[in-house]
Protein backbone atom coordinates (compact mmCIF):
# COMPACT_ATOMS: atom_id res chain seq x y z
CA UNK A 1 18.76 -9.57 18.09
CA UNK A 2 19.67 -11.05 14.65
CA UNK A 3 20.47 -14.70 14.39
CA UNK A 4 22.05 -16.73 11.48
CA UNK A 5 22.05 -20.47 10.99
CA UNK A 6 24.40 -22.15 8.62
CA UNK A 7 25.83 -25.38 7.67
CA UNK A 8 29.60 -25.74 7.69
CA UNK A 9 30.82 -26.26 4.15
CA UNK A 10 33.23 -28.99 4.94
CA UNK A 11 31.35 -31.08 7.67
CA UNK A 12 27.66 -29.96 6.90
CA UNK A 13 27.19 -29.66 10.63
CA UNK A 14 24.63 -26.87 11.56
CA UNK A 15 25.49 -23.81 13.66
CA UNK A 16 23.66 -21.03 15.00
CA UNK A 17 25.40 -17.49 15.74
CA UNK A 18 23.83 -14.27 17.08
CA UNK A 19 24.94 -10.73 16.74
CA UNK A 20 25.78 -9.24 19.96
CA UNK A 21 28.13 -6.44 21.11
CA UNK A 22 28.87 -5.66 17.58
CA UNK A 23 30.12 -9.36 16.73
CA UNK A 24 28.73 -12.77 15.65
CA UNK A 25 28.95 -15.19 18.52
CA UNK A 26 28.35 -18.88 18.16
CA UNK A 27 25.57 -20.27 20.41
CA UNK A 28 26.87 -23.41 22.14
CA UNK A 29 30.15 -25.07 22.24
CA UNK A 30 29.45 -27.37 19.39
CA UNK A 31 27.30 -28.04 16.48
CA UNK A 32 23.34 -27.93 16.63
CA UNK A 33 23.19 -30.99 14.46
CA UNK A 34 25.00 -34.50 14.96
CA UNK A 35 25.37 -35.12 11.10
CA UNK A 36 25.00 -33.25 7.90
CA UNK A 37 22.03 -30.92 7.99
CA UNK A 38 19.67 -29.90 5.23
CA UNK A 39 16.84 -27.39 5.51
CA UNK A 40 16.66 -25.60 8.86
CA UNK A 41 14.43 -23.02 10.37
CA UNK A 42 14.72 -21.03 13.69
CA UNK A 43 12.19 -19.77 16.23
CA UNK A 44 12.76 -17.89 19.29
CA UNK A 45 10.52 -18.42 22.38
CA UNK A 46 11.34 -15.79 24.95
CA UNK A 47 15.11 -16.02 25.01
CA UNK A 48 15.08 -19.83 23.99
CA UNK A 49 16.23 -20.57 20.29
CA UNK A 50 14.47 -23.64 18.75
CA UNK A 51 15.94 -25.20 15.50
CA UNK A 52 14.29 -27.63 13.27
CA UNK A 53 16.48 -29.45 10.69
CA UNK A 54 16.87 -32.50 8.61
CA UNK A 55 19.91 -34.70 9.95
CA UNK A 56 21.55 -37.27 8.04
CA UNK A 57 22.79 -38.98 11.29
CA UNK A 58 19.18 -40.18 11.71
CA UNK A 59 18.34 -41.00 8.04
CA UNK A 60 17.43 -37.53 7.00
CA UNK A 61 14.63 -37.33 9.41
CA UNK A 62 13.33 -34.28 11.29
CA UNK A 63 15.11 -33.06 14.36
CA UNK A 64 13.98 -30.32 16.75
CA UNK A 65 16.52 -28.95 19.23
CA UNK A 66 16.47 -26.01 21.64
CA UNK A 67 19.27 -24.31 23.48
CA UNK A 68 18.80 -24.31 27.05
CA UNK A 69 21.56 -24.45 30.19
CA UNK A 70 24.31 -23.67 27.61
CA UNK A 71 23.63 -26.69 25.44
CA UNK A 72 21.57 -27.97 22.65
CA UNK A 73 19.00 -30.63 23.68
CA UNK A 74 16.54 -32.60 21.51
CA UNK A 75 12.91 -31.70 21.77
CA UNK A 76 11.34 -35.08 21.92
CA UNK A 77 12.91 -37.94 19.97
CA UNK A 78 15.30 -37.61 17.36
CA UNK A 79 14.05 -38.34 13.82
CA UNK A 80 10.52 -37.25 14.33
CA UNK A 81 9.51 -38.00 10.80
CA UNK A 82 8.60 -41.51 9.72
CA UNK A 83 11.32 -41.31 7.07
CA UNK A 84 13.24 -38.94 4.88
CA UNK A 85 11.75 -35.47 5.02
CA UNK A 86 12.48 -32.14 3.55
CA UNK A 87 11.18 -28.41 3.80
CA UNK A 88 10.61 -27.82 7.43
CA UNK A 89 9.58 -24.93 9.58
CA UNK A 90 9.13 -24.06 13.29
CA UNK A 91 7.04 -21.51 15.16
CA UNK A 92 6.56 -21.01 18.71
CA UNK A 93 3.13 -19.97 20.13
CA UNK A 94 2.50 -19.59 24.00
CA UNK A 95 6.17 -21.12 24.51
CA UNK A 96 5.24 -24.31 22.72
CA UNK A 97 7.02 -25.32 19.33
CA UNK A 98 4.87 -26.12 16.24
CA UNK A 99 6.50 -27.70 13.22
CA UNK A 100 5.65 -28.35 9.68
CA UNK A 101 7.51 -30.59 7.27
CA UNK A 102 7.25 -32.61 4.09
CA UNK A 103 7.46 -36.27 4.90
CA UNK A 104 8.79 -37.83 1.74
CA UNK A 105 8.39 -41.47 2.60
CA UNK A 106 4.75 -40.86 3.72
CA UNK A 107 3.43 -39.90 0.37
CA UNK A 108 5.35 -36.38 0.44
CA UNK A 109 2.48 -35.21 2.65
CA UNK A 110 2.90 -32.06 4.69
CA UNK A 111 2.62 -32.70 8.48
CA UNK A 112 2.10 -30.12 11.22
CA UNK A 113 2.80 -31.27 14.64
CA UNK A 114 2.97 -29.70 18.11
CA UNK A 115 5.11 -30.84 20.85
CA UNK A 116 3.26 -31.42 24.19
CA UNK A 117 5.29 -31.29 27.38
């Protein structure tokens, strides 16, 4: 099933849609992000979409969300990075999300993290 993530031109809020029954349908009632989003990536684990993005509502830090029970919920804390970040990626392996991002305020080093439940 094809998915597309996009930021609204006016608000900058992040949305996700899927192509189903010959039309694009928004996933969730609202936006994925709480603020303007930059750099996003998507991974699907089973039927659960995971999004990683930079959200300006938390100081341009990394946020990871998943869509479960008809709503977007944070995976761990909001603002995972130590400070401003950019260029992020997510992948799921054995139903566990792994993320990578450049942590600008930590010497622009690439960090790779696994969320442990």
